[in-house]
PDB file of N, CA and C in Angstrom:
ATOM      1  N   MET A   1      -3.952  16.091  -7.025  1.00  0.00           N
ATOM      2  CA  MET A   1      -4.508  14.801  -7.363  1.00  0.00           C
ATOM      3  C   MET A   1      -3.446  13.724  -7.135  1.00  0.00           C
ATOM      4  N   HIS A   2      -3.855  12.628  -6.604  1.00  0.00           N
ATOM      5  CA  HIS A   2      -2.970  11.493  -6.373  1.00  0.00           C
ATOM      6  C   HIS A   2      -2.705  10.781  -7.701  1.00  0.00           C
ATOM      7  N   ASP A   3      -1.643  10.012  -7.779  1.00  0.00           N
ATOM      8  CA  ASP A   3      -1.283   9.292  -8.999  1.00  0.00           C
ATOM      9  C   ASP A   3      -2.208   8.085  -9.154  1.00  0.00           C
ATOM     10  N   LEU A   4      -3.240   8.249  -9.953  1.00  0.00           N
ATOM     11  CA  LEU A   4      -4.228   7.187 -10.117  1.00  0.00           C
ATOM     12  C   LEU A   4      -3.708   6.047 -10.986  1.00  0.00           C
ATOM     13  N   ASN A   5      -2.715   6.298 -11.824  1.00  0.00           N
ATOM     14  CA  ASN A   5      -2.095   5.206 -12.576  1.00  0.00           C
ATOM     15  C   ASN A   5      -1.376   4.265 -11.616  1.00  0.00           C
ATOM     16  N   ASP A   6      -0.636   4.834 -10.673  1.00  0.00           N
ATOM     17  CA  ASP A   6       0.050   4.018  -9.672  1.00  0.00           C
ATOM     18  C   ASP A   6      -0.964   3.288  -8.792  1.00  0.00           C
ATOM     19  N   LEU A   7      -2.024   3.962  -8.424  1.00  0.00           N
ATOM     20  CA  LEU A   7      -3.066   3.341  -7.601  1.00  0.00           C
ATOM     21  C   LEU A   7      -3.665   2.138  -8.326  1.00  0.00           C
ATOM     22  N   ALA A   8      -3.944   2.269  -9.622  1.00  0.00           N
ATOM     23  CA  ALA A   8      -4.500   1.147 -10.395  1.00  0.00           C
ATOM     24  C   ALA A   8      -3.504  -0.011 -10.447  1.00  0.00           C
ATOM     25  N   ARG A   9      -2.224   0.300 -10.617  1.00  0.00           N
ATOM     26  CA  ARG A   9      -1.194  -0.745 -10.641  1.00  0.00           C
ATOM     27  C   ARG A   9      -1.137  -1.472  -9.299  1.00  0.00           C
ATOM     28  N   ARG A  10      -1.136  -0.710  -8.213  1.00  0.00           N
ATOM     29  CA  ARG A  10      -1.098  -1.318  -6.880  1.00  0.00           C
ATOM     30  C   ARG A  10      -2.347  -2.164  -6.636  1.00  0.00           C
ATOM     31  N   TYR A  11      -3.484  -1.699  -7.099  1.00  0.00           N
ATOM     32  CA  TYR A  11      -4.741  -2.437  -6.953  1.00  0.00           C
ATOM     33  C   TYR A  11      -4.652  -3.791  -7.669  1.00  0.00           C
ATOM     34  N   ILE A  12      -4.186  -3.789  -8.915  1.00  0.00           N
ATOM     35  CA  ILE A  12      -4.050  -5.042  -9.662  1.00  0.00           C
ATOM     36  C   ILE A  12      -3.012  -5.942  -8.995  1.00  0.00           C
ATOM     37  N   ASP A  13      -1.934  -5.358  -8.490  1.00  0.00           N
ATOM     38  CA  ASP A  13      -0.917  -6.146  -7.786  1.00  0.00           C
ATOM     39  C   ASP A  13      -1.525  -6.912  -6.607  1.00  0.00           C
ATOM     40  N   ILE A  14      -2.487  -6.304  -5.931  1.00  0.00           N
ATOM     41  CA  ILE A  14      -3.149  -6.972  -4.803  1.00  0.00           C
ATOM     42  C   ILE A  14      -3.791  -8.274  -5.256  1.00  0.00           C
ATOM     43  N   TRP A  15      -4.422  -8.263  -6.420  1.00  0.00           N
ATOM     44  CA  TRP A  15      -5.102  -9.452  -6.925  1.00  0.00           C
ATOM     45  C   TRP A  15      -4.120 -10.558  -7.267  1.00  0.00           C
ATOM     46  N   ASN A  16      -2.835 -10.217  -7.422  1.00  0.00           N
ATOM     47  CA  ASN A  16      -1.794 -11.204  -7.726  1.00  0.00           C
ATOM     48  C   ASN A  16      -0.974 -11.601  -6.501  1.00  0.00           C
ATOM     49  N   THR A  17      -1.192 -10.953  -5.376  1.00  0.00           N
ATOM     50  CA  THR A  17      -0.413 -11.223  -4.169  1.00  0.00           C
ATOM     51  C   THR A  17      -1.011 -12.411  -3.428  1.00  0.00           C
ATOM     52  N   THR A  18      -0.287 -13.519  -3.419  1.00  0.00           N
ATOM     53  CA  THR A  18      -0.802 -14.730  -2.778  1.00  0.00           C
ATOM     54  C   THR A  18      -0.357 -14.868  -1.327  1.00  0.00           C
ATOM     55  N   ASP A  19       0.637 -14.109  -0.906  1.00  0.00           N
ATOM     56  CA  ASP A  19       1.034 -14.097   0.502  1.00  0.00           C
ATOM     57  C   ASP A  19      -0.059 -13.354   1.266  1.00  0.00           C
ATOM     58  N   ALA A  20      -0.808 -14.088   2.094  1.00  0.00           N
ATOM     59  CA  ALA A  20      -1.985 -13.527   2.756  1.00  0.00           C
ATOM     60  C   ALA A  20      -1.661 -12.317   3.620  1.00  0.00           C
ATOM     61  N   ALA A  21      -0.585 -12.362   4.383  1.00  0.00           N
ATOM     62  CA  ALA A  21      -0.234 -11.235   5.266  1.00  0.00           C
ATOM     63  C   ALA A  21       0.156 -10.012   4.447  1.00  0.00           C
ATOM     64  N   ALA A  22       0.943 -10.213   3.407  1.00  0.00           N
ATOM     65  CA  ALA A  22       1.361  -9.088   2.560  1.00  0.00           C
ATOM     66  C   ALA A  22       0.161  -8.484   1.839  1.00  0.00           C
ATOM     67  N   ARG A  23      -0.739  -9.345   1.342  1.00  0.00           N
ATOM     68  CA  ARG A  23      -1.935  -8.861   0.649  1.00  0.00           C
ATOM     69  C   ARG A  23      -2.819  -8.067   1.592  1.00  0.00           C
ATOM     70  N   ARG A  24      -3.026  -8.581   2.793  1.00  0.00           N
ATOM     71  CA  ARG A  24      -3.885  -7.890   3.759  1.00  0.00           C
ATOM     72  C   ARG A  24      -3.289  -6.544   4.142  1.00  0.00           C
ATOM     73  N   GLN A  25      -1.966  -6.473   4.293  1.00  0.00           N
ATOM     74  CA  GLN A  25      -1.301  -5.209   4.603  1.00  0.00           C
ATOM     75  C   GLN A  25      -1.504  -4.197   3.477  1.00  0.00           C
ATOM     76  N   GLU A  26      -1.322  -4.626   2.248  1.00  0.00           N
ATOM     77  CA  GLU A  26      -1.473  -3.726   1.102  1.00  0.00           C
ATOM     78  C   GLU A  26      -2.920  -3.265   0.962  1.00  0.00           C
ATOM     79  N   ILE A  27      -3.871  -4.159   1.194  1.00  0.00           N
ATOM     80  CA  ILE A  27      -5.285  -3.755   1.156  1.00  0.00           C
ATOM     81  C   ILE A  27      -5.552  -2.701   2.232  1.00  0.00           C
ATOM     82  N   GLY A  28      -5.014  -2.906   3.422  1.00  0.00           N
ATOM     83  CA  GLY A  28      -5.185  -1.929   4.488  1.00  0.00           C
ATOM     84  C   GLY A  28      -4.583  -0.578   4.158  1.00  0.00           C
ATOM     85  N   ASP A  29      -3.474  -0.581   3.430  1.00  0.00           N
ATOM     86  CA  ASP A  29      -2.830   0.666   3.027  1.00  0.00           C
ATOM     87  C   ASP A  29      -3.573   1.361   1.895  1.00  0.00           C
ATOM     88  N   LEU A  30      -4.107   0.588   0.959  1.00  0.00           N
ATOM     89  CA  LEU A  30      -4.675   1.148  -0.259  1.00  0.00           C
ATOM     90  C   LEU A  30      -6.154   1.521  -0.140  1.00  0.00           C
ATOM     91  N   PHE A  31      -6.900   0.764   0.662  1.00  0.00           N
ATOM     92  CA  PHE A  31      -8.337   0.973   0.764  1.00  0.00           C
ATOM     93  C   PHE A  31      -8.701   1.752   2.024  1.00  0.00           C
ATOM     94  N   ALA A  32      -9.717   2.605   1.917  1.00  0.00           N
ATOM     95  CA  ALA A  32     -10.280   3.285   3.079  1.00  0.00           C
ATOM     96  C   ALA A  32     -10.963   2.249   3.975  1.00  0.00           C
ATOM     97  N   ASP A  33     -11.116   2.575   5.233  1.00  0.00           N
ATOM     98  CA  ASP A  33     -11.724   1.639   6.192  1.00  0.00           C
ATOM     99  C   ASP A  33     -13.151   1.254   5.817  1.00  0.00           C
ATOM    100  N   ASP A  34     -13.868   2.168   5.146  1.00  0.00           N
ATOM    101  CA  ASP A  34     -15.258   1.893   4.762  1.00  0.00           C
ATOM    102  C   ASP A  34     -15.390   1.622   3.264  1.00  0.00           C
ATOM    103  N   ALA A  35     -14.312   1.170   2.633  1.00  0.00           N
ATOM    104  CA  ALA A  35     -14.306   0.928   1.189  1.00  0.00           C
ATOM    105  C   ALA A  35     -15.312  -0.152   0.807  1.00  0.00           C
ATOM    106  N   ARG A  36     -15.848   0.012  -0.393  1.00  0.00           N
ATOM    107  CA  ARG A  36     -16.760  -0.993  -0.954  1.00  0.00           C
ATOM    108  C   ARG A  36     -16.210  -1.483  -2.279  1.00  0.00           C
ATOM    109  N   TYR A  37     -16.383  -2.793  -2.522  1.00  0.00           N
ATOM    110  CA  TYR A  37     -16.053  -3.410  -3.799  1.00  0.00           C
ATOM    111  C   TYR A  37     -17.316  -4.099  -4.294  1.00  0.00           C
ATOM    112  N   VAL A  38     -17.703  -3.788  -5.538  1.00  0.00           N
ATOM    113  CA  VAL A  38     -18.928  -4.351  -6.108  1.00  0.00           C
ATOM    114  C   VAL A  38     -18.633  -4.804  -7.533  1.00  0.00           C
ATOM    115  N   ASP A  39     -18.967  -6.050  -7.845  1.00  0.00           N
ATOM    116  CA  ASP A  39     -18.936  -6.526  -9.224  1.00  0.00           C
ATOM    117  C   ASP A  39     -20.177  -7.390  -9.431  1.00  0.00           C
ATOM    118  N   PRO A  40     -20.372  -7.967 -10.614  1.00  0.00           N
ATOM    119  CA  PRO A  40     -21.599  -8.736 -10.836  1.00  0.00           C
ATOM    120  C   PRO A  40     -21.786  -9.930  -9.905  1.00  0.00           C
ATOM    121  N   LEU A  41     -20.716 -10.387  -9.254  1.00  0.00           N
ATOM    122  CA  LEU A  41     -20.799 -11.590  -8.437  1.00  0.00           C
ATOM    123  C   LEU A  41     -20.753 -11.341  -6.938  1.00  0.00           C
ATOM    124  N   VAL A  42     -20.346 -10.144  -6.512  1.00  0.00           N
ATOM    125  CA  VAL A  42     -20.158  -9.898  -5.087  1.00  0.00           C
ATOM    126  C   VAL A  42     -20.277  -8.408  -4.784  1.00  0.00           C
ATOM    127  N   ALA A  43     -20.722  -8.104  -3.582  1.00  0.00           N
ATOM    128  CA  ALA A  43     -20.728  -6.738  -3.059  1.00  0.00           C
ATOM    129  C   ALA A  43     -20.276  -6.824  -1.609  1.00  0.00           C
ATOM    130  N   VAL A  44     -19.099  -6.235  -1.313  1.00  0.00           N
ATOM    131  CA  VAL A  44     -18.542  -6.329   0.027  1.00  0.00           C
ATOM    132  C   VAL A  44     -18.086  -4.954   0.505  1.00  0.00           C
ATOM    133  N   GLU A  45     -17.961  -4.841   1.826  1.00  0.00           N
ATOM    134  CA  GLU A  45     -17.519  -3.581   2.424  1.00  0.00           C
ATOM    135  C   GLU A  45     -16.443  -3.854   3.456  1.00  0.00           C
ATOM    136  N   GLY A  46     -15.407  -3.027   3.416  1.00  0.00           N
ATOM    137  CA  GLY A  46     -14.328  -3.090   4.393  1.00  0.00           C
ATOM    138  C   GLY A  46     -13.146  -3.907   3.901  1.00  0.00           C
ATOM    139  N   PRO A  47     -11.952  -3.546   4.349  1.00  0.00           N
ATOM    140  CA  PRO A  47     -10.738  -4.236   3.910  1.00  0.00           C
ATOM    141  C   PRO A  47     -10.744  -5.746   4.158  1.00  0.00           C
ATOM    142  N   GLU A  48     -11.289  -6.189   5.270  1.00  0.00           N
ATOM    143  CA  GLU A  48     -11.297  -7.631   5.559  1.00  0.00           C
ATOM    144  C   GLU A  48     -12.128  -8.394   4.533  1.00  0.00           C
ATOM    145  N   ALA A  49     -13.310  -7.874   4.223  1.00  0.00           N
ATOM    146  CA  ALA A  49     -14.180  -8.529   3.246  1.00  0.00           C
ATOM    147  C   ALA A  49     -13.582  -8.459   1.844  1.00  0.00           C
ATOM    148  N   ILE A  50     -12.911  -7.373   1.525  1.00  0.00           N
ATOM    149  CA  ILE A  50     -12.236  -7.256   0.233  1.00  0.00           C
ATOM    150  C   ILE A  50     -11.120  -8.292   0.148  1.00  0.00           C
ATOM    151  N   ASP A  51     -10.356  -8.444   1.208  1.00  0.00           N
ATOM    152  CA  ASP A  51      -9.297  -9.457   1.243  1.00  0.00           C
ATOM    153  C   ASP A  51      -9.873 -10.855   1.058  1.00  0.00           C
ATOM    154  N   GLU A  52     -10.971 -11.163   1.715  1.00  0.00           N
ATOM    155  CA  GLU A  52     -11.606 -12.473   1.564  1.00  0.00           C
ATOM    156  C   GLU A  52     -12.060 -12.696   0.118  1.00  0.00           C
ATOM    157  N   THR A  53     -12.550 -11.649  -0.528  1.00  0.00           N
ATOM    158  CA  THR A  53     -12.978 -11.746  -1.922  1.00  0.00           C
ATOM    159  C   THR A  53     -11.796 -12.046  -2.832  1.00  0.00           C
ATOM    160  N   VAL A  54     -10.695 -11.326  -2.635  1.00  0.00           N
ATOM    161  CA  VAL A  54      -9.493 -11.551  -3.446  1.00  0.00           C
ATOM    162  C   VAL A  54      -8.987 -12.982  -3.244  1.00  0.00           C
ATOM    163  N   ALA A  55      -8.940 -13.435  -1.995  1.00  0.00           N
ATOM    164  CA  ALA A  55      -8.485 -14.801  -1.711  1.00  0.00           C
ATOM    165  C   ALA A  55      -9.378 -15.836  -2.394  1.00  0.00           C
ATOM    166  N   ALA A  56     -10.681 -15.593  -2.404  1.00  0.00           N
ATOM    167  CA  ALA A  56     -11.609 -16.525  -3.046  1.00  0.00           C
ATOM    168  C   ALA A  56     -11.378 -16.579  -4.559  1.00  0.00           C
ATOM    169  N   VAL A  57     -11.141 -15.432  -5.174  1.00  0.00           N
ATOM    170  CA  VAL A  57     -10.868 -15.402  -6.616  1.00  0.00           C
ATOM    171  C   VAL A  57      -9.564 -16.139  -6.908  1.00  0.00           C
ATOM    172  N   GLN A  58      -8.544 -15.923  -6.085  1.00  0.00           N
ATOM    173  CA  GLN A  58      -7.282 -16.636  -6.270  1.00  0.00           C
ATOM    174  C   GLN A  58      -7.479 -18.139  -6.141  1.00  0.00           C
ATOM    175  N   GLY A  59      -8.337 -18.568  -5.219  1.00  0.00           N
ATOM    176  CA  GLY A  59      -8.629 -19.985  -5.064  1.00  0.00           C
ATOM    177  C   GLY A  59      -9.378 -20.560  -6.256  1.00  0.00           C
ATOM    178  N   GLN A  60     -10.223 -19.749  -6.870  1.00  0.00           N
ATOM    179  CA  GLN A  60     -11.003 -20.193  -8.021  1.00  0.00           C
ATOM    180  C   GLN A  60     -10.148 -20.245  -9.292  1.00  0.00           C
ATOM    181  N   PHE A  61      -9.156 -19.353  -9.383  1.00  0.00           N
ATOM    182  CA  PHE A  61      -8.325 -19.261 -10.583  1.00  0.00           C
ATOM    183  C   PHE A  61      -6.841 -19.380 -10.228  1.00  0.00           C
ATOM    184  N   PRO A  62      -6.425 -20.518  -9.659  1.00  0.00           N
ATOM    185  CA  PRO A  62      -5.017 -20.662  -9.291  1.00  0.00           C
ATOM    186  C   PRO A  62      -4.131 -20.623 -10.540  1.00  0.00           C
ATOM    187  N   ASP A  63      -2.932 -20.152 -10.367  1.00  0.00           N
ATOM    188  CA  ASP A  63      -1.927 -20.106 -11.436  1.00  0.00           C
ATOM    189  C   ASP A  63      -2.265 -19.140 -12.561  1.00  0.00           C
ATOM    190  N   LEU A  64      -3.256 -18.285 -12.377  1.00  0.00           N
ATOM    191  CA  LEU A  64      -3.553 -17.242 -13.354  1.00  0.00           C
ATOM    192  C   LEU A  64      -3.119 -15.902 -12.776  1.00  0.00           C
ATOM    193  N   GLU A  65      -2.872 -14.931 -13.658  1.00  0.00           N
ATOM    194  CA  GLU A  65      -2.439 -13.619 -13.191  1.00  0.00           C
ATOM    195  C   GLU A  65      -3.309 -12.520 -13.783  1.00  0.00           C
ATOM    196  N   PHE A  66      -3.474 -11.469 -13.001  1.00  0.00           N
ATOM    197  CA  PHE A  66      -4.149 -10.276 -13.478  1.00  0.00           C
ATOM    198  C   PHE A  66      -3.128  -9.373 -14.149  1.00  0.00           C
ATOM    199  N   ARG A  67      -3.553  -8.748 -15.251  1.00  0.00           N
ATOM    200  CA  ARG A  67      -2.707  -7.799 -15.971  1.00  0.00           C
ATOM    201  C   ARG A  67      -3.486  -6.508 -16.162  1.00  0.00           C
ATOM    202  N   LEU A  68      -2.841  -5.398 -15.888  1.00  0.00           N
ATOM    203  CA  LEU A  68      -3.459  -4.086 -16.014  1.00  0.00           C
ATOM    204  C   LEU A  68      -3.398  -3.603 -17.449  1.00  0.00           C
ATOM    205  N   GLY A  69      -4.503  -3.055 -17.924  1.00  0.00           N
ATOM    206  CA  GLY A  69      -4.557  -2.420 -19.234  1.00  0.00           C
ATOM    207  C   GLY A  69      -4.492  -0.912 -19.081  1.00  0.00           C
ATOM    208  N   PRO A  70      -4.973  -0.184 -20.078  1.00  0.00           N
ATOM    209  CA  PRO A  70      -4.926   1.281 -20.031  1.00  0.00           C
ATOM    210  C   PRO A  70      -5.736   1.848 -18.861  1.00  0.00           C
ATOM    211  N   VAL A  71      -5.222   2.941 -18.320  1.00  0.00           N
ATOM    212  CA  VAL A  71      -5.873   3.652 -17.214  1.00  0.00           C
ATOM    213  C   VAL A  71      -6.298   5.021 -17.721  1.00  0.00           C
ATOM    214  N   ASP A  72      -7.539   5.379 -17.467  1.00  0.00           N
ATOM    215  CA  ASP A  72      -8.073   6.698 -17.802  1.00  0.00           C
ATOM    216  C   ASP A  72      -8.537   7.304 -16.491  1.00  0.00           C
ATOM    217  N   ALA A  73      -7.977   8.461 -16.126  1.00  0.00           N
ATOM    218  CA  ALA A  73      -8.268   9.014 -14.802  1.00  0.00           C
ATOM    219  C   ALA A  73      -8.454  10.531 -14.847  1.00  0.00           C
ATOM    220  N   HIS A  74      -9.294  10.999 -13.979  1.00  0.00           N
ATOM    221  CA  HIS A  74      -9.440  12.434 -13.724  1.00  0.00           C
ATOM    222  C   HIS A  74     -10.072  12.624 -12.367  1.00  0.00           C
ATOM    223  N   HIS A  75      -9.819  13.797 -11.795  1.00  0.00           N
ATOM    224  CA  HIS A  75     -10.288  14.125 -10.455  1.00  0.00           C
ATOM    225  C   HIS A  75      -9.916  12.993  -9.491  1.00  0.00           C
ATOM    226  N   ASN A  76     -10.872  12.415  -8.831  1.00  0.00           N
ATOM    227  CA  ASN A  76     -10.570  11.336  -7.873  1.00  0.00           C
ATOM    228  C   ASN A  76     -11.119   9.996  -8.347  1.00  0.00           C
ATOM    229  N   GLN A  77     -11.120   9.788  -9.662  1.00  0.00           N
ATOM    230  CA  GLN A  77     -11.666   8.546 -10.184  1.00  0.00           C
ATOM    231  C   GLN A  77     -10.840   8.050 -11.366  1.00  0.00           C
ATOM    232  N   ALA A  78     -10.838   6.741 -11.514  1.00  0.00           N
ATOM    233  CA  ALA A  78     -10.111   6.115 -12.608  1.00  0.00           C
ATOM    234  C   ALA A  78     -10.918   4.941 -13.134  1.00  0.00           C
ATOM    235  N   ARG A  79     -10.772   4.700 -14.419  1.00  0.00           N
ATOM    236  CA  ARG A  79     -11.311   3.467 -15.001  1.00  0.00           C
ATOM    237  C   ARG A  79     -10.140   2.803 -15.713  1.00  0.00           C
ATOM    238  N   PHE A  80     -10.129   1.491 -15.627  1.00  0.00           N
ATOM    239  CA  PHE A  80      -9.014   0.769 -16.230  1.00  0.00           C
ATOM    240  C   PHE A  80      -9.461  -0.636 -16.595  1.00  0.00           C
ATOM    241  N   THR A  81      -8.863  -1.132 -17.653  1.00  0.00           N
ATOM    242  CA  THR A  81      -9.144  -2.493 -18.077  1.00  0.00           C
ATOM    243  C   THR A  81      -8.145  -3.428 -17.420  1.00  0.00           C
ATOM    244  N   TRP A  82      -8.513  -4.685 -17.367  1.00  0.00           N
ATOM    245  CA  TRP A  82      -7.645  -5.728 -16.820  1.00  0.00           C
ATOM    246  C   TRP A  82      -7.976  -7.048 -17.498  1.00  0.00           C
ATOM    247  N   GLU A  83      -7.030  -7.950 -17.412  1.00  0.00           N
ATOM    248  CA  GLU A  83      -7.197  -9.305 -17.934  1.00  0.00           C
ATOM    249  C   GLU A  83      -6.757 -10.295 -16.867  1.00  0.00           C
ATOM    250  N   LEU A  84      -7.326 -11.481 -16.940  1.00  0.00           N
ATOM    251  CA  LEU A  84      -6.916 -12.583 -16.086  1.00  0.00           C
ATOM    252  C   LEU A  84      -6.634 -13.778 -16.981  1.00  0.00           C
ATOM    253  N   GLY A  85      -5.404 -14.289 -16.897  1.00  0.00           N
ATOM    254  CA  GLY A  85      -5.045 -15.434 -17.717  1.00  0.00           C
ATOM    255  C   GLY A  85      -3.719 -16.016 -17.286  1.00  0.00           C
ATOM    256  N   PRO A  86      -3.286 -17.067 -17.953  1.00  0.00           N
ATOM    257  CA  PRO A  86      -1.983 -17.659 -17.632  1.00  0.00           C
ATOM    258  C   PRO A  86      -0.867 -16.686 -18.035  1.00  0.00           C
ATOM    259  N   ALA A  87       0.252 -16.737 -17.340  1.00  0.00           N
ATOM    260  CA  ALA A  87       1.388 -15.871 -17.648  1.00  0.00           C
ATOM    261  C   ALA A  87       1.763 -16.023 -19.118  1.00  0.00           C
ATOM    262  N   GLY A  88       1.763 -14.922 -19.838  1.00  0.00           N
ATOM    263  CA  GLY A  88       2.125 -14.933 -21.241  1.00  0.00           C
ATOM    264  C   GLY A  88       1.078 -15.517 -22.166  1.00  0.00           C
ATOM    265  N   GLY A  89      -0.078 -15.913 -21.620  1.00  0.00           N
ATOM    266  CA  GLY A  89      -1.116 -16.550 -22.423  1.00  0.00           C
ATOM    267  C   GLY A  89      -2.324 -15.664 -22.641  1.00  0.00           C
ATOM    268  N   GLU A  90      -3.259 -16.205 -23.393  1.00  0.00           N
ATOM    269  CA  GLU A  90      -4.490 -15.486 -23.696  1.00  0.00           C
ATOM    270  C   GLU A  90      -5.354 -15.321 -22.440  1.00  0.00           C
ATOM    271  N   ALA A  91      -5.985 -14.167 -22.344  1.00  0.00           N
ATOM    272  CA  ALA A  91      -6.848 -13.878 -21.201  1.00  0.00           C
ATOM    273  C   ALA A  91      -8.096 -14.755 -21.234  1.00  0.00           C
ATOM    274  N   LEU A  92      -8.433 -15.321 -20.085  1.00  0.00           N
ATOM    275  CA  LEU A  92      -9.668 -16.083 -19.937  1.00  0.00           C
ATOM    276  C   LEU A  92     -10.819 -15.188 -19.501  1.00  0.00           C
ATOM    277  N   VAL A  93     -10.484 -14.147 -18.728  1.00  0.00           N
ATOM    278  CA  VAL A  93     -11.462 -13.188 -18.228  1.00  0.00           C
ATOM    279  C   VAL A  93     -10.932 -11.800 -18.551  1.00  0.00           C
ATOM    280  N   VAL A  94     -11.823 -10.932 -19.016  1.00  0.00           N
ATOM    281  CA  VAL A  94     -11.480  -9.545 -19.312  1.00  0.00           C
ATOM    282  C   VAL A  94     -12.543  -8.669 -18.693  1.00  0.00           C
ATOM    283  N   GLY A  95     -12.118  -7.569 -18.099  1.00  0.00           N
ATOM    284  CA  GLY A  95     -13.077  -6.650 -17.512  1.00  0.00           C
ATOM    285  C   GLY A  95     -12.501  -5.262 -17.372  1.00  0.00           C
ATOM    286  N   PHE A  96     -13.277  -4.424 -16.716  1.00  0.00           N
ATOM    287  CA  PHE A  96     -12.778  -3.103 -16.367  1.00  0.00           C
ATOM    288  C   PHE A  96     -13.363  -2.714 -15.031  1.00  0.00           C
ATOM    289  N   ASP A  97     -12.634  -1.887 -14.333  1.00  0.00           N
ATOM    290  CA  ASP A  97     -13.070  -1.394 -13.030  1.00  0.00           C
ATOM    291  C   ASP A  97     -13.098   0.129 -13.050  1.00  0.00           C
ATOM    292  N   VAL A  98     -13.965   0.668 -12.230  1.00  0.00           N
ATOM    293  CA  VAL A  98     -14.002   2.098 -11.966  1.00  0.00           C
ATOM    294  C   VAL A  98     -13.703   2.254 -10.479  1.00  0.00           C
ATOM    295  N   ALA A  99     -12.678   3.040 -10.178  1.00  0.00           N
ATOM    296  CA  ALA A  99     -12.250   3.240  -8.794  1.00  0.00           C
ATOM    297  C   ALA A  99     -12.405   4.709  -8.421  1.00  0.00           C
ATOM    298  N   VAL A 100     -12.911   4.934  -7.215  1.00  0.00           N
ATOM    299  CA  VAL A 100     -13.079   6.285  -6.698  1.00  0.00           C
ATOM    300  C   VAL A 100     -12.304   6.374  -5.395  1.00  0.00           C
ATOM    301  N   THR A 101     -11.508   7.437  -5.264  1.00  0.00           N
ATOM    302  CA  THR A 101     -10.704   7.607  -4.059  1.00  0.00           C
ATOM    303  C   THR A 101     -11.328   8.626  -3.116  1.00  0.00           C
ATOM    304  N   ASP A 102     -10.901   8.561  -1.872  1.00  0.00           N
ATOM    305  CA  ASP A 102     -11.284   9.590  -0.912  1.00  0.00           C
ATOM    306  C   ASP A 102     -10.273  10.741  -1.021  1.00  0.00           C
ATOM    307  N   ASP A 103     -10.403  11.741  -0.172  1.00  0.00           N
ATOM    308  CA  ASP A 103      -9.517  12.905  -0.232  1.00  0.00           C
ATOM    309  C   ASP A 103      -8.073  12.576   0.131  1.00  0.00           C
ATOM    310  N   ASP A 104      -7.853  11.437   0.781  1.00  0.00           N
ATOM    311  CA  ASP A 104      -6.497  11.015   1.138  1.00  0.00           C
ATOM    312  C   ASP A 104      -5.860  10.138   0.059  1.00  0.00           C
ATOM    313  N   GLY A 105      -6.580   9.884  -1.033  1.00  0.00           N
ATOM    314  CA  GLY A 105      -6.045   9.069  -2.114  1.00  0.00           C
ATOM    315  C   GLY A 105      -6.200   7.577  -1.907  1.00  0.00           C
ATOM    316  N   ARG A 106      -6.997   7.170  -0.939  1.00  0.00           N
ATOM    317  CA  ARG A 106      -7.259   5.751  -0.705  1.00  0.00           C
ATOM    318  C   ARG A 106      -8.530   5.349  -1.443  1.00  0.00           C
ATOM    319  N   LEU A 107      -8.594   4.100  -1.864  1.00  0.00           N
ATOM    320  CA  LEU A 107      -9.769   3.609  -2.572  1.00  0.00           C
ATOM    321  C   LEU A 107     -10.988   3.612  -1.662  1.00  0.00           C
ATOM    322  N   ARG A 108     -12.047   4.232  -2.128  1.00  0.00           N
ATOM    323  CA  ARG A 108     -13.294   4.298  -1.360  1.00  0.00           C
ATOM    324  C   ARG A 108     -14.357   3.396  -1.975  1.00  0.00           C
ATOM    325  N   GLN A 109     -14.402   3.371  -3.307  1.00  0.00           N
ATOM    326  CA  GLN A 109     -15.362   2.551  -4.041  1.00  0.00           C
ATOM    327  C   GLN A 109     -14.650   1.937  -5.239  1.00  0.00           C
ATOM    328  N   VAL A 110     -14.910   0.665  -5.507  1.00  0.00           N
ATOM    329  CA  VAL A 110     -14.445   0.027  -6.740  1.00  0.00           C
ATOM    330  C   VAL A 110     -15.645  -0.719  -7.323  1.00  0.00           C
ATOM    331  N   TYR A 111     -15.938  -0.393  -8.588  1.00  0.00           N
ATOM    332  CA  TYR A 111     -17.033  -1.029  -9.306  1.00  0.00           C
ATOM    333  C   TYR A 111     -16.428  -1.859 -10.432  1.00  0.00           C
ATOM    334  N   GLY A 112     -16.643  -3.167 -10.409  1.00  0.00           N
ATOM    335  CA  GLY A 112     -16.065  -4.060 -11.404  1.00  0.00           C
ATOM    336  C   GLY A 112     -17.101  -4.503 -12.427  1.00  0.00           C
ATOM    337  N   PHE A 113     -16.638  -4.643 -13.667  1.00  0.00           N
ATOM    338  CA  PHE A 113     -17.487  -5.093 -14.775  1.00  0.00           C
ATOM    339  C   PHE A 113     -16.761  -6.206 -15.520  1.00  0.00           C
ATOM    340  N   LEU A 114     -17.497  -7.205 -15.956  1.00  0.00           N
ATOM    341  CA  LEU A 114     -16.923  -8.343 -16.672  1.00  0.00           C
ATOM    342  C   LEU A 114     -17.345  -8.276 -18.143  1.00  0.00           C
ATOM    343  N   ASP A 115     -16.346  -8.218 -19.025  1.00  0.00           N
ATOM    344  CA  ASP A 115     -16.608  -8.149 -20.458  1.00  0.00           C
ATOM    345  C   ASP A 115     -16.489  -9.508 -21.138  1.00  0.00           C
ATOM    346  N   LYS A 116     -15.612 -10.360 -20.599  1.00  0.00           N
ATOM    347  CA  LYS A 116     -15.424 -11.705 -21.159  1.00  0.00           C
ATOM    348  C   LYS A 116     -15.259 -12.661 -20.002  1.00  0.00           C
ATOM    349  N   VAL A 117     -16.065 -13.709 -19.988  1.00  0.00           N
ATOM    350  CA  VAL A 117     -15.952 -14.745 -18.948  1.00  0.00           C
ATOM    351  C   VAL A 117     -15.952 -16.105 -19.630  1.00  0.00           C
ATOM    352  N   PRO A 118     -15.310 -17.105 -19.002  1.00  0.00           N
ATOM    353  CA  PRO A 118     -15.295 -18.446 -19.597  1.00  0.00           C
ATOM    354  C   PRO A 118     -16.702 -19.012 -19.723  1.00  0.00           C
ATOM    355  N   ALA A 119     -16.938 -19.755 -20.782  1.00  0.00           N
ATOM    356  CA  ALA A 119     -18.219 -20.432 -20.945  1.00  0.00           C
ATOM    357  C   ALA A 119     -18.356 -21.509 -19.887  1.00  0.00           C
ATOM    358  N   ALA A 120     -19.558 -21.662 -19.386  1.00  0.00           N
ATOM    359  CA  ALA A 120     -19.803 -22.663 -18.332  1.00  0.00           C
ATOM    360  C   ALA A 120     -19.738 -24.059 -18.854  1.00  0.00           C
TER     361      ALA A 120
END
């Protein structure tokens, strides 16, 4: 089994990487070519579309950071909580993701859930 704790950390790091070339490289390394990312607001397939989604979230929430919470993993799947908020501050958004890897340890599916979102 691949280290799913490290995979979750690398995944969250991607959401904090604002250098577009570095982020795209890491997405290409971490995600399978046919990877899917699905949350309540978006459903995309492939590393390019995942990168565009991450860039859009960064544009919507500038100066905020993602923080990884506990990771629970077995076989080729992991679930983990995360927060989005100002550095050292209270989280504005809280959620959890479920990630499934392929046999090579690359992300194949990521399902995102939102537990706390800012009031409109």
